Amino acid sequence: MTGLLNAFDGHYVRAGYNLVLAGLFLVNPLTMRRQRRRLEAVEQALRDRGRPSDHGTGGRSPVDSK
């Protein structure tokens, strides 16, 4: 709304800035929903993979490292 009022007053740069910010606020919930789905997919993949082994053995079990 303020973008339109600024445009009528002749402040075109400020009007454009306000309209761009309004557009970002409208798009933000859509991107957050997608980001939440991606994060859940990563968490599920980590759960399916299982616990990582000991960090000091290079991915091998301590018995195999001897």
PDB file of N, CA and C in Angstrom:
ATOM      1  N   MET A   1       0.830  -1.191   0.000  1.00  0.00           N
ATOM      2  CA  MET A   1       0.000   0.000   0.000  1.00  0.00           C
ATOM      3  C   MET A   1       0.878   1.260   0.000  1.00  0.00           C
ATOM      4  N   THR A   2       1.914   1.258   0.839  1.00  0.00           N
ATOM      5  CA  THR A   2       2.772   2.440   0.879  1.00  0.00           C
ATOM      6  C   THR A   2       3.543   2.603  -0.419  1.00  0.00           C
ATOM      7  N   GLY A   3       3.817   1.467  -1.093  1.00  0.00           N
ATOM      8  CA  GLY A   3       4.480   1.548  -2.391  1.00  0.00           C
ATOM      9  C   GLY A   3       3.631   2.302  -3.397  1.00  0.00           C
ATOM     10  N   LEU A   4       2.354   2.054  -3.379  1.00  0.00           N
ATOM     11  CA  LEU A   4       1.455   2.759  -4.300  1.00  0.00           C
ATOM     12  C   LEU A   4       1.333   4.236  -3.935  1.00  0.00           C
ATOM     13  N   LEU A   5       1.266   4.525  -2.650  1.00  0.00           N
ATOM     14  CA  LEU A   5       1.180   5.923  -2.226  1.00  0.00           C
ATOM     15  C   LEU A   5       2.456   6.688  -2.589  1.00  0.00           C
ATOM     16  N   ASN A   6       3.607   6.045  -2.420  1.00  0.00           N
ATOM     17  CA  ASN A   6       4.854   6.685  -2.811  1.00  0.00           C
ATOM     18  C   ASN A   6       4.913   6.911  -4.315  1.00  0.00           C
ATOM     19  N   ALA A   7       4.374   5.987  -5.083  1.00  0.00           N
ATOM     20  CA  ALA A   7       4.358   6.145  -6.545  1.00  0.00           C
ATOM     21  C   ALA A   7       3.479   7.331  -6.934  1.00  0.00           C
ATOM     22  N   PHE A   8       2.355   7.503  -6.288  1.00  0.00           N
ATOM     23  CA  PHE A   8       1.481   8.643  -6.586  1.00  0.00           C
ATOM     24  C   PHE A   8       2.140   9.969  -6.213  1.00  0.00           C
ATOM     25  N   ASP A   9       2.985   9.940  -5.177  1.00  0.00           N
ATOM     26  CA  ASP A   9       3.681  11.157  -4.751  1.00  0.00           C
ATOM     27  C   ASP A   9       4.900  11.474  -5.616  1.00  0.00           C
ATOM     28  N   GLY A  10       5.290  10.531  -6.461  1.00  0.00           N
ATOM     29  CA  GLY A  10       6.425  10.765  -7.329  1.00  0.00           C
ATOM     30  C   GLY A  10       7.733  10.214  -6.806  1.00  0.00           C
ATOM     31  N   HIS A  11       7.718   9.487  -5.715  1.00  0.00           N
ATOM     32  CA  HIS A  11       8.919   8.868  -5.149  1.00  0.00           C
ATOM     33  C   HIS A  11       9.017   7.438  -5.700  1.00  0.00           C
ATOM     34  N   TYR A  12       9.484   7.326  -6.928  1.00  0.00           N
ATOM     35  CA  TYR A  12       9.431   6.042  -7.623  1.00  0.00           C
ATOM     36  C   TYR A  12      10.437   5.029  -7.089  1.00  0.00           C
ATOM     37  N   VAL A  13      11.603   5.478  -6.684  1.00  0.00           N
ATOM     38  CA  VAL A  13      12.598   4.547  -6.149  1.00  0.00           C
ATOM     39  C   VAL A  13      12.107   3.963  -4.831  1.00  0.00           C
ATOM     40  N   ARG A  14      11.613   4.800  -3.968  1.00  0.00           N
ATOM     41  CA  ARG A  14      11.078   4.322  -2.691  1.00  0.00           C
ATOM     42  C   ARG A  14       9.868   3.423  -2.914  1.00  0.00           C
ATOM     43  N   ALA A  15       9.046   3.743  -3.885  1.00  0.00           N
ATOM     44  CA  ALA A  15       7.877   2.911  -4.189  1.00  0.00           C
ATOM     45  C   ALA A  15       8.312   1.534  -4.670  1.00  0.00           C
ATOM     46  N   GLY A  16       9.306   1.500  -5.549  1.00  0.00           N
ATOM     47  CA  GLY A  16       9.791   0.220  -6.037  1.00  0.00           C
ATOM     48  C   GLY A  16      10.400  -0.614  -4.926  1.00  0.00           C
ATOM     49  N   TYR A  17      11.152   0.023  -4.060  1.00  0.00           N
ATOM     50  CA  TYR A  17      11.756  -0.659  -2.923  1.00  0.00           C
ATOM     51  C   TYR A  17      10.679  -1.265  -2.028  1.00  0.00           C
ATOM     52  N   ASN A  18       9.644  -0.510  -1.732  1.00  0.00           N
ATOM     53  CA  ASN A  18       8.562  -1.009  -0.882  1.00  0.00           C
ATOM     54  C   ASN A  18       7.826  -2.173  -1.540  1.00  0.00           C
ATOM     55  N   LEU A  19       7.630  -2.101  -2.855  1.00  0.00           N
ATOM     56  CA  LEU A  19       6.941  -3.182  -3.546  1.00  0.00           C
ATOM     57  C   LEU A  19       7.797  -4.453  -3.584  1.00  0.00           C
ATOM     58  N   VAL A  20       9.095  -4.298  -3.754  1.00  0.00           N
ATOM     59  CA  VAL A  20       9.978  -5.466  -3.728  1.00  0.00           C
ATOM     60  C   VAL A  20       9.965  -6.117  -2.349  1.00  0.00           C
ATOM     61  N   LEU A  21      10.029  -5.333  -1.305  1.00  0.00           N
ATOM     62  CA  LEU A  21       9.986  -5.893   0.047  1.00  0.00           C
ATOM     63  C   LEU A  21       8.657  -6.592   0.324  1.00  0.00           C
ATOM     64  N   ALA A  22       7.578  -6.013  -0.149  1.00  0.00           N
ATOM     65  CA  ALA A  22       6.267  -6.652   0.027  1.00  0.00           C
ATOM     66  C   ALA A  22       6.236  -7.992  -0.705  1.00  0.00           C
ATOM     67  N   GLY A  23       6.820  -8.050  -1.892  1.00  0.00           N
ATOM     68  CA  GLY A  23       6.885  -9.309  -2.631  1.00  0.00           C
ATOM     69  C   GLY A  23       7.703 -10.361  -1.902  1.00  0.00           C
ATOM     70  N   LEU A  24       8.811  -9.943  -1.292  1.00  0.00           N
ATOM     71  CA  LEU A  24       9.634 -10.890  -0.532  1.00  0.00           C
ATOM     72  C   LEU A  24       8.881 -11.437   0.676  1.00  0.00           C
ATOM     73  N   PHE A  25       8.108 -10.594   1.326  1.00  0.00           N
ATOM     74  CA  PHE A  25       7.328 -11.069   2.460  1.00  0.00           C
ATOM     75  C   PHE A  25       6.258 -12.057   2.030  1.00  0.00           C
ATOM     76  N   LEU A  26       5.743 -11.908   0.817  1.00  0.00           N
ATOM     77  CA  LEU A  26       4.734 -12.840   0.330  1.00  0.00           C
ATOM     78  C   LEU A  26       5.348 -14.170  -0.101  1.00  0.00           C
ATOM     79  N   VAL A  27       6.562 -14.163  -0.594  1.00  0.00           N
ATOM     80  CA  VAL A  27       7.218 -15.378  -1.063  1.00  0.00           C
ATOM     81  C   VAL A  27       7.856 -16.147   0.085  1.00  0.00           C
ATOM     82  N   ASN A  28       8.238 -15.487   1.142  1.00  0.00           N
ATOM     83  CA  ASN A  28       8.962 -16.105   2.254  1.00  0.00           C
ATOM     84  C   ASN A  28       8.259 -17.330   2.844  1.00  0.00           C
ATOM     85  N   PRO A  29       6.961 -17.325   3.115  1.00  0.00           N
ATOM     86  CA  PRO A  29       6.337 -18.537   3.679  1.00  0.00           C
ATOM     87  C   PRO A  29       6.448 -19.744   2.753  1.00  0.00           C
ATOM     88  N   LEU A  30       6.402 -19.531   1.444  1.00  0.00           N
ATOM     89  CA  LEU A  30       6.516 -20.652   0.515  1.00  0.00           C
ATOM     90  C   LEU A  30       7.900 -21.266   0.563  1.00  0.00           C
ATOM     91  N   THR A  31       8.931 -20.427   0.634  1.00  0.00           N
ATOM     92  CA  THR A  31      10.287 -20.958   0.676  1.00  0.00           C
ATOM     93  C   THR A  31      10.579 -21.610   2.030  1.00  0.00           C
ATOM     94  N   MET A  32      10.005 -21.102   3.092  1.00  0.00           N
ATOM     95  CA  MET A  32      10.227 -21.704   4.404  1.00  0.00           C
ATOM     96  C   MET A  32       9.601 -23.094   4.468  1.00  0.00           C
ATOM     97  N   ARG A  33       8.446 -23.274   3.839  1.00  0.00           N
ATOM     98  CA  ARG A  33       7.801 -24.582   3.826  1.00  0.00           C
ATOM     99  C   ARG A  33       8.670 -25.596   3.078  1.00  0.00           C
ATOM    100  N   ARG A  34       9.236 -25.169   1.940  1.00  0.00           N
ATOM    101  CA  ARG A  34      10.106 -26.050   1.174  1.00  0.00           C
ATOM    102  C   ARG A  34      11.374 -26.370   1.963  1.00  0.00           C
ATOM    103  N   GLN A  35      11.936 -25.372   2.644  1.00  0.00           N
ATOM    104  CA  GLN A  35      13.141 -25.589   3.441  1.00  0.00           C
ATOM    105  C   GLN A  35      12.868 -26.570   4.584  1.00  0.00           C
ATOM    106  N   ARG A  36      11.702 -26.488   5.184  1.00  0.00           N
ATOM    107  CA  ARG A  36      11.342 -27.402   6.269  1.00  0.00           C
ATOM    108  C   ARG A  36      11.258 -28.835   5.744  1.00  0.00           C
ATOM    109  N   ARG A  37      10.681 -29.017   4.530  1.00  0.00           N
ATOM    110  CA  ARG A  37      10.609 -30.357   3.945  1.00  0.00           C
ATOM    111  C   ARG A  37      12.001 -30.903   3.647  1.00  0.00           C
ATOM    112  N   ARG A  38      12.887 -30.049   3.149  1.00  0.00           N
ATOM    113  CA  ARG A  38      14.259 -30.491   2.874  1.00  0.00           C
ATOM    114  C   ARG A  38      14.963 -30.910   4.152  1.00  0.00           C
ATOM    115  N   LEU A  39      14.799 -30.136   5.219  1.00  0.00           N
ATOM    116  CA  LEU A  39      15.439 -30.451   6.493  1.00  0.00           C
ATOM    117  C   LEU A  39      14.905 -31.764   7.052  1.00  0.00           C
ATOM    118  N   GLU A  40      13.603 -31.992   6.942  1.00  0.00           N
ATOM    119  CA  GLU A  40      13.031 -33.251   7.410  1.00  0.00           C
ATOM    120  C   GLU A  40      13.568 -34.425   6.600  1.00  0.00           C
ATOM    121  N   ALA A  41      13.766 -34.237   5.292  1.00  0.00           N
ATOM    122  CA  ALA A  41      14.313 -35.306   4.454  1.00  0.00           C
ATOM    123  C   ALA A  41      15.750 -35.628   4.859  1.00  0.00           C
ATOM    124  N   VAL A  42      16.532 -34.609   5.167  1.00  0.00           N
ATOM    125  CA  VAL A  42      17.912 -34.837   5.599  1.00  0.00           C
ATOM    126  C   VAL A  42      17.932 -35.559   6.940  1.00  0.00           C
ATOM    127  N   GLU A  43      17.086 -35.139   7.861  1.00  0.00           N
ATOM    128  CA  GLU A  43      17.025 -35.801   9.165  1.00  0.00           C
ATOM    129  C   GLU A  43      16.620 -37.259   9.015  1.00  0.00           C
ATOM    130  N   GLN A  44      15.662 -37.544   8.126  1.00  0.00           N
ATOM    131  CA  GLN A  44      15.222 -38.917   7.908  1.00  0.00           C
ATOM    132  C   GLN A  44      16.345 -39.749   7.292  1.00  0.00           C
ATOM    133  N   ALA A  45      17.085 -39.169   6.358  1.00  0.00           N
ATOM    134  CA  ALA A  45      18.197 -39.890   5.742  1.00  0.00           C
ATOM    135  C   ALA A  45      19.275 -40.204   6.772  1.00  0.00           C
ATOM    136  N   LEU A  46      19.532 -39.272   7.676  1.00  0.00           N
ATOM    137  CA  LEU A  46      20.525 -39.529   8.724  1.00  0.00           C
ATOM    138  C   LEU A  46      20.048 -40.618   9.684  1.00  0.00           C
ATOM    139  N   ARG A  47      18.763 -40.626   9.998  1.00  0.00           N
ATOM    140  CA  ARG A  47      18.229 -41.681  10.863  1.00  0.00           C
ATOM    141  C   ARG A  47      18.308 -43.039  10.170  1.00  0.00           C
ATOM    142  N   ASP A  48      18.016 -43.081   8.867  1.00  0.00           N
ATOM    143  CA  ASP A  48      18.068 -44.341   8.130  1.00  0.00           C
ATOM    144  C   ASP A  48      19.491 -44.860   8.012  1.00  0.00           C
ATOM    145  N   ARG A  49      20.448 -43.975   7.939  1.00  0.00           N
ATOM    146  CA  ARG A  49      21.843 -44.362   7.776  1.00  0.00           C
ATOM    147  C   ARG A  49      22.399 -44.993   9.047  1.00  0.00           C
ATOM    148  N   GLY A  50      21.905 -44.575  10.169  1.00  0.00           N
ATOM    149  CA  GLY A  50      22.367 -45.129  11.439  1.00  0.00           C
ATOM    150  C   GLY A  50      23.415 -44.243  12.066  1.00  0.00           C
ATOM    151  N   ARG A  51      23.889 -44.681  13.198  1.00  0.00           N
ATOM    152  CA  ARG A  51      24.891 -43.903  13.932  1.00  0.00           C
ATOM    153  C   ARG A  51      26.234 -44.001  13.249  1.00  0.00           C
ATOM    154  N   PRO A  52      26.959 -42.895  13.188  1.00  0.00           N
ATOM    155  CA  PRO A  52      28.318 -42.973  12.637  1.00  0.00           C
ATOM    156  C   PRO A  52      29.228 -43.730  13.601  1.00  0.00           C
ATOM    157  N   SER A  53      30.247 -44.355  13.040  1.00  0.00           N
ATOM    158  CA  SER A  53      31.178 -45.094  13.885  1.00  0.00           C
ATOM    159  C   SER A  53      32.132 -44.118  14.563  1.00  0.00           C
ATOM    160  N   ASP A  54      33.063 -44.647  15.334  1.00  0.00           N
ATOM    161  CA  ASP A  54      34.028 -43.833  16.062  1.00  0.00           C
ATOM    162  C   ASP A  54      34.807 -42.951  15.093  1.00  0.00           C
ATOM    163  N   HIS A  55      34.970 -41.687  15.418  1.00  0.00           N
ATOM    164  CA  HIS A  55      35.636 -40.735  14.514  1.00  0.00           C
ATOM    165  C   HIS A  55      37.115 -41.046  14.330  1.00  0.00           C
ATOM    166  N   GLY A  56      37.759 -41.647  15.317  1.00  0.00           N
ATOM    167  CA  GLY A  56      39.191 -41.869  15.251  1.00  0.00           C
ATOM    168  C   GLY A  56      39.599 -43.071  14.419  1.00  0.00           C
ATOM    169  N   THR A  57      38.640 -43.874  13.937  1.00  0.00           N
ATOM    170  CA  THR A  57      39.011 -45.094  13.217  1.00  0.00           C
ATOM    171  C   THR A  57      38.814 -44.945  11.715  1.00  0.00           C
ATOM    172  N   GLY A  58      38.434 -43.787  11.233  1.00  0.00           N
ATOM    173  CA  GLY A  58      38.275 -43.583   9.806  1.00  0.00           C
ATOM    174  C   GLY A  58      37.081 -44.314   9.213  1.00  0.00           C
ATOM    175  N   GLY A  59      36.032 -44.511   9.997  1.00  0.00           N
ATOM    176  CA  GLY A  59      34.837 -45.179   9.504  1.00  0.00           C
ATOM    177  C   GLY A  59      34.827 -46.680   9.730  1.00  0.00           C
ATOM    178  N   ARG A  60      35.906 -47.237  10.219  1.00  0.00           N
ATOM    179  CA  ARG A  60      35.969 -48.674  10.504  1.00  0.00           C
ATOM    180  C   ARG A  60      35.661 -48.898  11.980  1.00  0.00           C
ATOM    181  N   SER A  61      35.232 -50.093  12.260  1.00  0.00           N
ATOM    182  CA  SER A  61      35.003 -50.398  13.680  1.00  0.00           C
ATOM    183  C   SER A  61      36.352 -50.563  14.371  1.00  0.00           C
ATOM    184  N   PRO A  62      36.441 -50.377  15.664  1.00  0.00           N
ATOM    185  CA  PRO A  62      37.723 -50.495  16.366  1.00  0.00           C
ATOM    186  C   PRO A  62      38.359 -51.878  16.204  1.00  0.00           C
ATOM    187  N   VAL A  63      37.570 -52.934  16.020  1.00  0.00           N
ATOM    188  CA  VAL A  63      38.094 -54.276  15.864  1.00  0.00           C
ATOM    189  C   VAL A  63      38.819 -54.405  14.531  1.00  0.00           C
ATOM    190  N   ASP A  64      38.292 -53.788  13.447  1.00  0.00           N
ATOM    191  CA  ASP A  64      38.871 -53.868  12.124  1.00  0.00           C
ATOM    192  C   ASP A  64      40.151 -53.063  11.995  1.00  0.00           C
ATOM    193  N   SER A  65      40.383 -52.105  12.862  1.00  0.00           N
ATOM    194  CA  SER A  65      41.529 -51.222  12.715  1.00  0.00           C
ATOM    195  C   SER A  65      42.837 -51.858  13.188  1.00  0.00           C
ATOM    196  N   LYS A  66      42.778 -53.029  13.785  1.00  0.00           N
ATOM    197  CA  LYS A  66      44.016 -53.666  14.284  1.00  0.00           C
ATOM    198  C   LYS A  66      44.740 -54.410  13.232  1.00  0.00           C
TER     199      LYS A  66
END
